[in-house]
Amino acid sequence: MILESKETTLAFRCPLCGQAILSGVNLFRITGDILRLRCPDCDTALTLNKTNDGKYRLSVPCMFCPKPHSYVLGEKNLFNEELFTLPCGLSGMDVLYIGKEDRVREALEESDRLLDSMLDEEEKEQLTALHRKGEDREGYDPGVEQVMRFLLCELEDEKKISCFCDGKEEIPLYDFQVLSERVRVFCHCCNAETYLPLRSEADAEDIVKIDKLELK
């Protein structure tokens, strides 16, 4: 029996130099190892790996946020769509492009035009500077990002996150946004959300102890 090869195209925009990074991906190349799609000039990378329950976890750099976004997709979203995009929860701009190569390229070109209409050269340079400063930002604790990423992965694997997607055919896509005194956890599909306080070290310790999340 000959197995049908499943392929898709992935793309993201490098937050440092702004160029679109695009590559084809074959289903049978994705095993337990992490696939990395790197910017050849800046070494930023989109990562992709398969979870134990057969889904696909992606970490995607974002031009508008200091840290990557984390998404979990099903095989249908990754390999059976003409075009599937996911936005940054802060800016609303698409950061991940999946699908047929020609459709992905068209979406990237449209994104170029939209960025040009939104941002002038000085504003683009300011976004680049934000990423180059990285963890030197005043008041920024990279440990919160790491804890939230780990927490969402663990709770999702254990099916302990609920939202309006429950009982529907939609696959929820969870993400988070670290704000000044709280963390927003939300679903890209149904827009359900919840907020976790983050005003003190005690609040951060409480986040680690969370055993379930209900998004409304």
N, C-alpha and C. Protein backbone atom coordinates (compact mmCIF):
# COMPACT_ATOMS: atom_id res chain seq x y z
N MET A 1 0.85 -1.19 0.00
CA MET A 1 0.00 0.00 0.00
C MET A 1 0.88 1.24 0.00
N ILE A 2 0.57 2.18 -0.86
CA ILE A 2 1.32 3.43 -0.94
C ILE A 2 0.58 4.49 -0.13
N LEU A 3 1.26 5.06 0.85
CA LEU A 3 0.67 6.10 1.68
C LEU A 3 0.72 7.44 0.95
N GLU A 4 -0.40 8.15 1.00
CA GLU A 4 -0.46 9.47 0.37
C GLU A 4 0.36 10.47 1.19
N SER A 5 1.25 11.16 0.54
CA SER A 5 2.07 12.14 1.23
C SER A 5 1.25 13.39 1.53
N LYS A 6 1.32 13.84 2.78
CA LYS A 6 0.63 15.06 3.16
C LYS A 6 1.65 16.15 3.38
N GLU A 7 1.48 17.26 2.68
CA GLU A 7 2.41 18.36 2.80
C GLU A 7 1.65 19.66 3.00
N THR A 8 2.32 20.59 3.63
CA THR A 8 1.75 21.92 3.81
C THR A 8 2.88 22.94 3.77
N THR A 9 2.53 24.20 3.74
CA THR A 9 3.52 25.27 3.78
C THR A 9 3.30 26.09 5.05
N LEU A 10 4.37 26.34 5.77
CA LEU A 10 4.33 27.18 6.97
C LEU A 10 5.07 28.48 6.70
N ALA A 11 4.60 29.56 7.30
CA ALA A 11 5.30 30.84 7.14
C ALA A 11 5.07 31.71 8.37
N PHE A 12 6.08 32.52 8.66
CA PHE A 12 5.97 33.54 9.70
C PHE A 12 6.84 34.72 9.29
N ARG A 13 6.74 35.81 10.01
CA ARG A 13 7.54 36.98 9.71
C ARG A 13 8.57 37.18 10.82
N CYS A 14 9.84 37.30 10.45
CA CYS A 14 10.89 37.48 11.45
C CYS A 14 10.69 38.81 12.16
N PRO A 15 10.62 38.81 13.50
CA PRO A 15 10.40 40.07 14.21
C PRO A 15 11.61 41.00 14.22
N LEU A 16 12.79 40.50 13.85
CA LEU A 16 13.99 41.32 13.86
C LEU A 16 14.23 42.03 12.53
N CYS A 17 14.15 41.28 11.43
CA CYS A 17 14.43 41.89 10.12
C CYS A 17 13.17 42.12 9.29
N GLY A 18 12.05 41.50 9.67
CA GLY A 18 10.78 41.73 8.99
C GLY A 18 10.53 40.86 7.78
N GLN A 19 11.51 40.06 7.35
CA GLN A 19 11.29 39.26 6.15
C GLN A 19 10.39 38.06 6.43
N ALA A 20 9.63 37.64 5.42
CA ALA A 20 8.76 36.48 5.53
C ALA A 20 9.59 35.21 5.36
N ILE A 21 9.43 34.27 6.28
CA ILE A 21 10.14 33.00 6.24
C ILE A 21 9.14 31.91 5.91
N LEU A 22 9.39 31.15 4.87
CA LEU A 22 8.41 30.20 4.34
C LEU A 22 9.09 28.88 4.02
N SER A 23 8.40 27.76 4.32
CA SER A 23 8.98 26.45 4.02
C SER A 23 7.88 25.39 3.93
N GLY A 24 8.12 24.38 3.10
CA GLY A 24 7.23 23.24 3.03
C GLY A 24 7.51 22.25 4.14
N VAL A 25 6.46 21.57 4.61
CA VAL A 25 6.59 20.58 5.69
C VAL A 25 5.81 19.33 5.29
N ASN A 26 6.45 18.17 5.45
CA ASN A 26 5.82 16.89 5.16
C ASN A 26 5.37 16.23 6.46
N LEU A 27 4.15 15.69 6.47
CA LEU A 27 3.60 15.05 7.66
C LEU A 27 4.53 14.00 8.24
N PHE A 28 5.17 13.22 7.36
CA PHE A 28 5.97 12.10 7.84
C PHE A 28 7.34 12.52 8.36
N ARG A 29 7.68 13.81 8.22
CA ARG A 29 8.92 14.32 8.82
C ARG A 29 8.73 14.69 10.27
N ILE A 30 7.46 14.84 10.69
CA ILE A 30 7.18 15.31 12.04
C ILE A 30 7.04 14.10 12.96
N THR A 31 8.02 13.87 13.78
CA THR A 31 7.97 12.77 14.75
C THR A 31 8.06 13.39 16.14
N GLY A 32 8.86 12.80 17.00
CA GLY A 32 9.03 13.36 18.33
C GLY A 32 10.02 14.50 18.35
N ASP A 33 10.80 14.65 17.28
CA ASP A 33 11.79 15.72 17.23
C ASP A 33 11.12 17.06 16.91
N ILE A 34 11.79 18.13 17.27
CA ILE A 34 11.29 19.47 16.99
C ILE A 34 11.80 19.94 15.64
N LEU A 35 10.89 20.36 14.77
CA LEU A 35 11.28 20.98 13.51
C LEU A 35 11.40 22.48 13.71
N ARG A 36 12.43 23.07 13.13
CA ARG A 36 12.65 24.50 13.27
C ARG A 36 12.72 25.16 11.90
N LEU A 37 11.95 26.21 11.72
CA LEU A 37 11.99 27.02 10.52
C LEU A 37 12.65 28.33 10.90
N ARG A 38 13.92 28.53 10.48
CA ARG A 38 14.72 29.65 10.96
C ARG A 38 14.82 30.78 9.93
N CYS A 39 14.93 31.99 10.45
CA CYS A 39 15.31 33.12 9.61
C CYS A 39 16.81 33.00 9.35
N PRO A 40 17.24 33.01 8.10
CA PRO A 40 18.67 32.81 7.80
C PRO A 40 19.55 33.97 8.26
N ASP A 41 18.97 35.14 8.49
CA ASP A 41 19.76 36.31 8.87
C ASP A 41 19.79 36.56 10.37
N CYS A 42 18.70 36.23 11.06
CA CYS A 42 18.59 36.61 12.48
C CYS A 42 18.52 35.42 13.43
N ASP A 43 18.34 34.23 12.90
CA ASP A 43 18.31 33.00 13.69
C ASP A 43 17.05 32.88 14.56
N THR A 44 16.06 33.76 14.40
CA THR A 44 14.77 33.51 15.04
C THR A 44 14.13 32.31 14.36
N ALA A 45 13.26 31.59 15.07
CA ALA A 45 12.75 30.34 14.51
C ALA A 45 11.33 30.04 14.96
N LEU A 46 10.55 29.51 14.03
CA LEU A 46 9.29 28.86 14.34
C LEU A 46 9.61 27.42 14.67
N THR A 47 9.03 26.88 15.73
CA THR A 47 9.26 25.48 16.07
C THR A 47 7.95 24.70 16.00
N LEU A 48 8.06 23.43 15.64
CA LEU A 48 6.90 22.56 15.48
C LEU A 48 7.25 21.17 15.98
N ASN A 49 6.38 20.61 16.84
CA ASN A 49 6.57 19.22 17.25
C ASN A 49 5.22 18.56 17.50
N LYS A 50 5.20 17.24 17.43
CA LYS A 50 3.98 16.47 17.60
C LYS A 50 3.83 16.07 19.06
N THR A 51 2.61 16.24 19.61
CA THR A 51 2.35 15.90 21.00
C THR A 51 1.97 14.42 21.12
N ASN A 52 1.90 13.95 22.36
CA ASN A 52 1.57 12.54 22.60
C ASN A 52 0.17 12.18 22.16
N ASP A 53 -0.74 13.16 22.11
CA ASP A 53 -2.12 12.87 21.71
C ASP A 53 -2.35 13.15 20.22
N GLY A 54 -1.27 13.28 19.44
CA GLY A 54 -1.40 13.39 17.99
C GLY A 54 -1.65 14.79 17.46
N LYS A 55 -1.59 15.80 18.32
CA LYS A 55 -1.73 17.18 17.85
C LYS A 55 -0.34 17.76 17.57
N TYR A 56 -0.34 19.01 17.13
CA TYR A 56 0.92 19.66 16.74
C TYR A 56 1.06 20.98 17.48
N ARG A 57 2.17 21.11 18.20
CA ARG A 57 2.42 22.33 18.98
C ARG A 57 3.42 23.21 18.23
N LEU A 58 3.06 24.47 18.07
CA LEU A 58 3.92 25.43 17.37
C LEU A 58 4.25 26.60 18.28
N SER A 59 5.47 27.07 18.19
CA SER A 59 5.90 28.30 18.85
C SER A 59 6.29 29.28 17.74
N VAL A 60 5.59 30.42 17.68
CA VAL A 60 5.71 31.31 16.52
C VAL A 60 6.17 32.70 16.94
N PRO A 61 7.30 33.18 16.42
CA PRO A 61 7.74 34.56 16.71
C PRO A 61 6.71 35.57 16.24
N CYS A 62 6.67 36.70 16.95
CA CYS A 62 5.68 37.74 16.64
C CYS A 62 6.37 39.10 16.58
N MET A 63 6.02 39.91 15.57
CA MET A 63 6.60 41.24 15.42
C MET A 63 6.14 42.19 16.52
N PHE A 64 4.97 41.91 17.10
CA PHE A 64 4.36 42.87 18.03
C PHE A 64 4.51 42.49 19.49
N CYS A 65 4.96 41.28 19.78
CA CYS A 65 5.11 40.81 21.15
C CYS A 65 6.55 40.39 21.41
N PRO A 66 7.03 40.56 22.63
CA PRO A 66 8.44 40.25 22.92
C PRO A 66 8.76 38.76 22.93
N LYS A 67 7.76 37.92 23.07
CA LYS A 67 7.99 36.48 23.11
C LYS A 67 7.09 35.77 22.11
N PRO A 68 7.44 34.54 21.70
CA PRO A 68 6.63 33.81 20.71
C PRO A 68 5.24 33.45 21.25
N HIS A 69 4.32 33.23 20.32
CA HIS A 69 3.00 32.71 20.66
C HIS A 69 3.03 31.19 20.55
N SER A 70 2.26 30.53 21.40
CA SER A 70 2.19 29.07 21.39
C SER A 70 0.80 28.64 20.93
N TYR A 71 0.75 27.74 19.95
CA TYR A 71 -0.51 27.24 19.43
C TYR A 71 -0.49 25.71 19.40
N VAL A 72 -1.66 25.09 19.54
CA VAL A 72 -1.79 23.64 19.37
C VAL A 72 -2.86 23.41 18.31
N LEU A 73 -2.49 22.68 17.24
CA LEU A 73 -3.38 22.46 16.10
C LEU A 73 -3.61 20.98 15.87
N GLY A 74 -4.74 20.67 15.25
CA GLY A 74 -5.01 19.31 14.79
C GLY A 74 -4.46 19.11 13.39
N GLU A 75 -4.45 17.86 12.96
CA GLU A 75 -3.91 17.53 11.63
C GLU A 75 -4.71 18.22 10.53
N LYS A 76 -6.03 18.37 10.73
CA LYS A 76 -6.87 19.02 9.72
C LYS A 76 -6.42 20.45 9.47
N ASN A 77 -6.19 21.21 10.55
CA ASN A 77 -5.75 22.59 10.39
C ASN A 77 -4.40 22.68 9.71
N LEU A 78 -3.53 21.71 9.99
CA LEU A 78 -2.16 21.80 9.51
C LEU A 78 -2.00 21.31 8.07
N PHE A 79 -2.78 20.31 7.67
CA PHE A 79 -2.53 19.68 6.37
C PHE A 79 -3.71 19.67 5.39
N ASN A 80 -4.90 20.07 5.84
CA ASN A 80 -6.05 19.95 4.95
C ASN A 80 -6.70 21.28 4.59
N GLU A 81 -6.05 22.39 4.94
CA GLU A 81 -6.64 23.70 4.66
C GLU A 81 -5.93 24.36 3.47
N GLU A 82 -6.72 25.04 2.64
CA GLU A 82 -6.12 25.85 1.57
C GLU A 82 -5.30 26.98 2.16
N LEU A 83 -5.86 27.63 3.19
CA LEU A 83 -5.15 28.68 3.92
C LEU A 83 -5.73 28.76 5.32
N PHE A 84 -4.83 28.74 6.31
CA PHE A 84 -5.24 28.83 7.71
C PHE A 84 -4.26 29.79 8.39
N THR A 85 -4.77 30.84 9.01
CA THR A 85 -3.91 31.82 9.66
C THR A 85 -4.31 31.98 11.12
N LEU A 86 -3.33 32.39 11.93
CA LEU A 86 -3.59 32.66 13.34
C LEU A 86 -3.01 34.03 13.69
N PRO A 87 -3.78 34.84 14.43
CA PRO A 87 -3.35 36.20 14.72
C PRO A 87 -2.65 36.35 16.07
N CYS A 88 -1.96 37.44 16.23
CA CYS A 88 -1.45 37.89 17.52
C CYS A 88 -2.64 38.44 18.31
N GLY A 89 -2.77 38.00 19.55
CA GLY A 89 -3.90 38.45 20.36
C GLY A 89 -3.84 39.92 20.71
N LEU A 90 -2.65 40.51 20.65
CA LEU A 90 -2.48 41.93 21.01
C LEU A 90 -2.78 42.85 19.83
N SER A 91 -2.18 42.54 18.67
CA SER A 91 -2.31 43.44 17.51
C SER A 91 -3.43 43.05 16.56
N GLY A 92 -3.83 41.78 16.58
CA GLY A 92 -4.82 41.30 15.61
C GLY A 92 -4.22 40.92 14.27
N MET A 93 -2.92 41.16 14.09
CA MET A 93 -2.25 40.82 12.83
C MET A 93 -1.90 39.33 12.81
N ASP A 94 -2.04 38.72 11.63
CA ASP A 94 -1.68 37.31 11.49
C ASP A 94 -0.17 37.14 11.69
N VAL A 95 0.19 36.09 12.44
CA VAL A 95 1.60 35.79 12.66
C VAL A 95 1.98 34.42 12.11
N LEU A 96 0.99 33.56 11.88
CA LEU A 96 1.25 32.21 11.38
C LEU A 96 0.39 31.95 10.15
N TYR A 97 1.02 31.43 9.11
CA TYR A 97 0.34 31.15 7.85
C TYR A 97 0.56 29.69 7.49
N ILE A 98 -0.53 28.97 7.20
CA ILE A 98 -0.46 27.53 6.90
C ILE A 98 -1.33 27.25 5.69
N GLY A 99 -0.87 26.37 4.79
CA GLY A 99 -1.73 25.96 3.68
C GLY A 99 -0.97 25.75 2.38
N LYS A 100 -1.69 25.89 1.28
CA LYS A 100 -1.08 25.76 -0.04
C LYS A 100 -0.09 26.91 -0.26
N GLU A 101 1.03 26.61 -0.91
CA GLU A 101 2.09 27.61 -1.03
C GLU A 101 1.61 28.90 -1.70
N ASP A 102 0.83 28.77 -2.77
CA ASP A 102 0.40 29.98 -3.47
C ASP A 102 -0.52 30.83 -2.61
N ARG A 103 -1.39 30.18 -1.83
CA ARG A 103 -2.29 30.91 -0.95
C ARG A 103 -1.53 31.58 0.19
N VAL A 104 -0.52 30.89 0.71
CA VAL A 104 0.30 31.45 1.78
C VAL A 104 1.05 32.67 1.28
N ARG A 105 1.62 32.57 0.08
CA ARG A 105 2.35 33.72 -0.48
C ARG A 105 1.41 34.91 -0.70
N GLU A 106 0.20 34.66 -1.17
CA GLU A 106 -0.77 35.73 -1.36
C GLU A 106 -1.09 36.41 -0.03
N ALA A 107 -1.27 35.59 1.03
CA ALA A 107 -1.59 36.14 2.34
C ALA A 107 -0.43 36.97 2.88
N LEU A 108 0.79 36.53 2.64
CA LEU A 108 1.96 37.29 3.08
C LEU A 108 2.06 38.63 2.35
N GLU A 109 1.77 38.62 1.05
CA GLU A 109 1.79 39.87 0.28
C GLU A 109 0.74 40.85 0.80
N GLU A 110 -0.43 40.33 1.13
CA GLU A 110 -1.48 41.18 1.68
C GLU A 110 -1.06 41.72 3.05
N SER A 111 -0.38 40.88 3.83
CA SER A 111 0.14 41.32 5.12
C SER A 111 1.18 42.43 4.95
N ASP A 112 2.03 42.30 3.92
CA ASP A 112 3.02 43.36 3.62
C ASP A 112 2.33 44.70 3.36
N ARG A 113 1.29 44.65 2.54
CA ARG A 113 0.58 45.90 2.21
C ARG A 113 -0.08 46.50 3.46
N LEU A 114 -0.64 45.63 4.31
CA LEU A 114 -1.29 46.10 5.51
C LEU A 114 -0.29 46.72 6.48
N LEU A 115 0.87 46.08 6.64
CA LEU A 115 1.91 46.62 7.52
C LEU A 115 2.42 47.96 7.01
N ASP A 116 2.60 48.06 5.70
CA ASP A 116 3.07 49.33 5.12
C ASP A 116 2.07 50.46 5.35
N SER A 117 0.79 50.12 5.34
CA SER A 117 -0.23 51.15 5.55
C SER A 117 -0.36 51.52 7.02
N MET A 118 0.02 50.60 7.91
CA MET A 118 -0.11 50.83 9.34
C MET A 118 1.11 51.50 9.96
N LEU A 119 2.29 51.11 9.50
CA LEU A 119 3.52 51.53 10.15
C LEU A 119 4.44 52.28 9.20
N ASP A 120 5.06 53.36 9.68
CA ASP A 120 6.09 54.00 8.90
C ASP A 120 7.44 53.38 9.27
N GLU A 121 8.51 53.81 8.63
CA GLU A 121 9.82 53.18 8.85
C GLU A 121 10.29 53.34 10.29
N GLU A 122 10.00 54.49 10.90
CA GLU A 122 10.42 54.71 12.29
C GLU A 122 9.71 53.74 13.23
N GLU A 123 8.42 53.52 13.00
CA GLU A 123 7.67 52.60 13.86
C GLU A 123 8.14 51.16 13.67
N LYS A 124 8.51 50.79 12.44
CA LYS A 124 9.05 49.45 12.21
C LYS A 124 10.37 49.27 12.95
N GLU A 125 11.20 50.32 12.94
CA GLU A 125 12.47 50.25 13.65
C GLU A 125 12.25 50.13 15.16
N GLN A 126 11.22 50.78 15.66
CA GLN A 126 10.91 50.69 17.09
C GLN A 126 10.49 49.27 17.47
N LEU A 127 9.72 48.62 16.60
CA LEU A 127 9.34 47.24 16.85
C LEU A 127 10.56 46.33 16.88
N THR A 128 11.47 46.53 15.94
CA THR A 128 12.69 45.75 15.89
C THR A 128 13.51 45.97 17.16
N ALA A 129 13.59 47.22 17.61
CA ALA A 129 14.35 47.53 18.82
C ALA A 129 13.74 46.84 20.03
N LEU A 130 12.41 46.73 20.08
CA LEU A 130 11.75 46.05 21.18
C LEU A 130 12.25 44.62 21.30
N HIS A 131 12.39 43.94 20.17
CA HIS A 131 12.84 42.54 20.20
C HIS A 131 14.33 42.44 20.52
N ARG A 132 15.11 43.38 20.03
CA ARG A 132 16.55 43.32 20.30
C ARG A 132 16.85 43.58 21.77
N LYS A 133 16.03 44.39 22.42
CA LYS A 133 16.21 44.62 23.86
C LYS A 133 15.80 43.39 24.64
N GLY A 134 14.78 42.69 24.15
CA GLY A 134 14.36 41.43 24.74
C GLY A 134 14.10 41.52 26.23
N GLU A 135 14.88 40.77 26.98
CA GLU A 135 14.62 40.62 28.39
C GLU A 135 15.13 41.79 29.22
N ASP A 136 15.72 42.80 28.59
CA ASP A 136 16.21 43.95 29.34
C ASP A 136 15.10 44.94 29.64
N ARG A 137 13.88 44.68 29.18
CA ARG A 137 12.79 45.62 29.43
C ARG A 137 12.52 45.75 30.92
N GLU A 138 12.33 46.99 31.36
CA GLU A 138 12.09 47.25 32.78
C GLU A 138 10.82 46.54 33.24
N GLY A 139 10.94 45.82 34.37
CA GLY A 139 9.78 45.17 34.96
C GLY A 139 9.38 43.88 34.29
N TYR A 140 10.08 43.44 33.26
CA TYR A 140 9.70 42.22 32.57
C TYR A 140 10.35 41.00 33.19
N ASP A 141 9.57 40.00 33.50
CA ASP A 141 10.08 38.77 34.11
C ASP A 141 9.89 37.63 33.13
N PRO A 142 10.95 37.16 32.47
CA PRO A 142 10.81 36.08 31.49
C PRO A 142 10.33 34.79 32.12
N GLY A 143 10.48 34.64 33.45
CA GLY A 143 10.02 33.42 34.11
C GLY A 143 8.51 33.26 34.01
N VAL A 144 7.77 34.39 33.97
CA VAL A 144 6.31 34.31 33.85
C VAL A 144 5.93 33.68 32.52
N GLU A 145 6.60 34.08 31.45
CA GLU A 145 6.34 33.49 30.13
C GLU A 145 6.57 31.99 30.16
N GLN A 146 7.67 31.57 30.73
CA GLN A 146 8.01 30.15 30.78
C GLN A 146 6.99 29.37 31.58
N VAL A 147 6.59 29.92 32.74
CA VAL A 147 5.61 29.23 33.58
C VAL A 147 4.27 29.11 32.87
N MET A 148 3.81 30.19 32.22
CA MET A 148 2.53 30.16 31.54
C MET A 148 2.54 29.20 30.37
N ARG A 149 3.64 29.18 29.62
CA ARG A 149 3.73 28.27 28.48
C ARG A 149 3.66 26.81 28.95
N PHE A 150 4.40 26.52 30.02
CA PHE A 150 4.39 25.16 30.58
C PHE A 150 3.01 24.82 31.13
N LEU A 151 2.40 25.77 31.85
CA LEU A 151 1.10 25.52 32.45
C LEU A 151 0.04 25.21 31.40
N LEU A 152 -0.03 26.02 30.34
CA LEU A 152 -1.03 25.79 29.30
C LEU A 152 -0.83 24.45 28.62
N CYS A 153 0.43 24.10 28.34
CA CYS A 153 0.71 22.81 27.70
C CYS A 153 0.26 21.65 28.58
N GLU A 154 0.58 21.75 29.88
CA GLU A 154 0.23 20.67 30.81
C GLU A 154 -1.29 20.54 30.95
N LEU A 155 -1.97 21.67 31.17
CA LEU A 155 -3.41 21.63 31.37
C LEU A 155 -4.13 21.16 30.10
N GLU A 156 -3.63 21.58 28.95
CA GLU A 156 -4.28 21.15 27.70
C GLU A 156 -4.08 19.66 27.47
N ASP A 157 -2.88 19.17 27.73
CA ASP A 157 -2.62 17.73 27.58
C ASP A 157 -3.52 16.91 28.50
N GLU A 158 -3.81 17.46 29.67
CA GLU A 158 -4.65 16.76 30.64
C GLU A 158 -6.13 17.10 30.48
N LYS A 159 -6.46 17.88 29.44
CA LYS A 159 -7.84 18.27 29.13
C LYS A 159 -8.49 18.98 30.32
N LYS A 160 -7.75 19.90 30.93
CA LYS A 160 -8.25 20.63 32.10
C LYS A 160 -8.44 22.11 31.80
N ILE A 161 -8.57 22.45 30.51
CA ILE A 161 -8.95 23.80 30.11
C ILE A 161 -10.28 23.70 29.38
N SER A 162 -11.24 24.51 29.76
CA SER A 162 -12.54 24.51 29.10
C SER A 162 -12.84 25.89 28.52
N CYS A 163 -13.60 25.90 27.42
CA CYS A 163 -14.03 27.15 26.79
C CYS A 163 -15.30 26.88 26.00
N PHE A 164 -15.73 27.83 25.20
CA PHE A 164 -16.97 27.67 24.44
C PHE A 164 -16.83 26.65 23.31
N CYS A 165 -15.61 26.22 23.01
CA CYS A 165 -15.40 25.22 21.96
C CYS A 165 -15.81 23.82 22.40
N ASP A 166 -15.96 23.61 23.71
CA ASP A 166 -16.32 22.30 24.23
C ASP A 166 -17.64 21.82 23.64
N GLY A 167 -17.65 20.58 23.19
CA GLY A 167 -18.86 20.00 22.62
C GLY A 167 -19.08 20.34 21.17
N LYS A 168 -18.17 21.13 20.58
CA LYS A 168 -18.27 21.49 19.17
C LYS A 168 -17.13 20.81 18.40
N GLU A 169 -17.17 20.95 17.08
CA GLU A 169 -16.12 20.36 16.26
C GLU A 169 -14.86 21.21 16.22
N GLU A 170 -14.93 22.44 16.73
CA GLU A 170 -13.77 23.32 16.74
C GLU A 170 -12.69 22.79 17.68
N ILE A 171 -11.44 22.91 17.26
CA ILE A 171 -10.31 22.59 18.13
C ILE A 171 -9.85 23.90 18.77
N PRO A 172 -9.92 23.99 20.11
CA PRO A 172 -9.54 25.25 20.76
C PRO A 172 -8.06 25.56 20.55
N LEU A 173 -7.76 26.85 20.44
CA LEU A 173 -6.39 27.32 20.27
C LEU A 173 -6.08 28.30 21.39
N TYR A 174 -5.40 27.81 22.41
CA TYR A 174 -5.17 28.61 23.61
C TYR A 174 -3.90 29.44 23.49
N ASP A 175 -3.93 30.62 24.10
CA ASP A 175 -2.77 31.50 24.10
C ASP A 175 -2.86 32.37 25.35
N PHE A 176 -1.81 33.14 25.61
CA PHE A 176 -1.83 34.02 26.77
C PHE A 176 -1.10 35.32 26.44
N GLN A 177 -1.38 36.33 27.25
CA GLN A 177 -0.77 37.65 27.09
C GLN A 177 -0.42 38.17 28.48
N VAL A 178 0.85 38.44 28.74
CA VAL A 178 1.27 38.96 30.03
C VAL A 178 1.09 40.47 30.05
N LEU A 179 0.23 40.96 30.93
CA LEU A 179 -0.03 42.38 31.07
C LEU A 179 0.71 42.91 32.31
N SER A 180 0.48 44.16 32.67
CA SER A 180 1.26 44.76 33.75
C SER A 180 0.99 44.10 35.11
N GLU A 181 -0.28 43.81 35.42
CA GLU A 181 -0.59 43.25 36.73
C GLU A 181 -1.46 42.00 36.65
N ARG A 182 -1.54 41.40 35.49
CA ARG A 182 -2.34 40.19 35.32
C ARG A 182 -1.94 39.50 34.03
N VAL A 183 -2.39 38.26 33.90
CA VAL A 183 -2.15 37.47 32.69
C VAL A 183 -3.49 37.14 32.06
N ARG A 184 -3.63 37.46 30.79
CA ARG A 184 -4.85 37.11 30.05
C ARG A 184 -4.64 35.76 29.36
N VAL A 185 -5.53 34.80 29.63
CA VAL A 185 -5.53 33.50 28.96
C VAL A 185 -6.78 33.45 28.09
N PHE A 186 -6.64 33.09 26.81
CA PHE A 186 -7.78 33.17 25.91
C PHE A 186 -7.72 32.09 24.83
N CYS A 187 -8.85 31.89 24.15
CA CYS A 187 -8.95 30.95 23.03
C CYS A 187 -9.16 31.73 21.75
N HIS A 188 -8.33 31.48 20.74
CA HIS A 188 -8.45 32.18 19.46
C HIS A 188 -9.74 31.82 18.73
N CYS A 189 -10.27 30.61 18.97
CA CYS A 189 -11.43 30.15 18.19
C CYS A 189 -12.74 30.77 18.68
N CYS A 190 -12.97 30.75 19.99
CA CYS A 190 -14.26 31.19 20.51
C CYS A 190 -14.18 32.52 21.27
N ASN A 191 -12.96 33.04 21.45
CA ASN A 191 -12.74 34.32 22.15
C ASN A 191 -13.04 34.28 23.64
N ALA A 192 -13.25 33.09 24.19
CA ALA A 192 -13.41 32.98 25.64
C ALA A 192 -12.08 33.35 26.31
N GLU A 193 -12.15 33.89 27.53
CA GLU A 193 -10.94 34.34 28.19
C GLU A 193 -11.10 34.32 29.70
N THR A 194 -9.99 34.41 30.39
CA THR A 194 -9.98 34.62 31.83
C THR A 194 -8.71 35.38 32.17
N TYR A 195 -8.70 35.99 33.34
CA TYR A 195 -7.54 36.78 33.77
C TYR A 195 -7.01 36.23 35.10
N LEU A 196 -5.69 36.12 35.19
CA LEU A 196 -5.03 35.66 36.40
C LEU A 196 -4.26 36.83 37.00
N PRO A 197 -4.44 37.11 38.30
CA PRO A 197 -3.72 38.23 38.91
C PRO A 197 -2.22 37.99 38.94
N LEU A 198 -1.45 39.07 38.76
CA LEU A 198 0.01 38.97 38.77
C LEU A 198 0.57 40.27 39.34
N ARG A 199 0.25 40.51 40.61
CA ARG A 199 0.69 41.74 41.26
C ARG A 199 1.83 41.52 42.26
N SER A 200 2.12 40.25 42.55
CA SER A 200 3.13 39.95 43.56
C SER A 200 3.74 38.58 43.31
N GLU A 201 4.79 38.27 44.06
CA GLU A 201 5.39 36.94 43.97
C GLU A 201 4.40 35.87 44.41
N ALA A 202 3.54 36.20 45.38
CA ALA A 202 2.53 35.24 45.83
C ALA A 202 1.57 34.88 44.70
N ASP A 203 1.18 35.89 43.89
CA ASP A 203 0.30 35.63 42.74
C ASP A 203 0.99 34.69 41.75
N ALA A 204 2.28 34.91 41.51
CA ALA A 204 3.03 34.05 40.59
C ALA A 204 3.08 32.61 41.11
N GLU A 205 3.26 32.46 42.41
CA GLU A 205 3.28 31.13 43.01
C GLU A 205 1.92 30.46 42.89
N ASP A 206 0.84 31.24 43.02
CA ASP A 206 -0.50 30.68 42.88
C ASP A 206 -0.76 30.19 41.46
N ILE A 207 -0.21 30.90 40.46
CA ILE A 207 -0.39 30.47 39.07
C ILE A 207 0.19 29.08 38.86
N VAL A 208 1.34 28.82 39.47
CA VAL A 208 1.98 27.50 39.32
C VAL A 208 1.08 26.40 39.86
N LYS A 209 0.25 26.71 40.85
CA LYS A 209 -0.58 25.69 41.52
C LYS A 209 -1.92 25.45 40.81
N ILE A 210 -2.22 26.22 39.78
CA ILE A 210 -3.51 26.08 39.08
C ILE A 210 -3.63 24.68 38.48
N ASP A 211 -4.78 24.02 38.74
CA ASP A 211 -4.98 22.67 38.20
C ASP A 211 -6.06 22.60 37.14
N LYS A 212 -6.76 23.72 36.88
CA LYS A 212 -7.73 23.77 35.78
C LYS A 212 -8.04 25.23 35.47
N LEU A 213 -8.49 25.49 34.23
CA LEU A 213 -8.84 26.84 33.80
C LEU A 213 -10.17 26.78 33.06
N GLU A 214 -11.05 27.70 33.40
CA GLU A 214 -12.34 27.82 32.70
C GLU A 214 -12.39 29.18 32.03
N LEU A 215 -12.41 29.18 30.70
CA LEU A 215 -12.45 30.43 29.94
C LEU A 215 -13.90 30.76 29.60
N LYS A 216 -14.28 32.02 29.80
CA LYS A 216 -15.68 32.42 29.56
C LYS A 216 -15.75 33.61 28.62
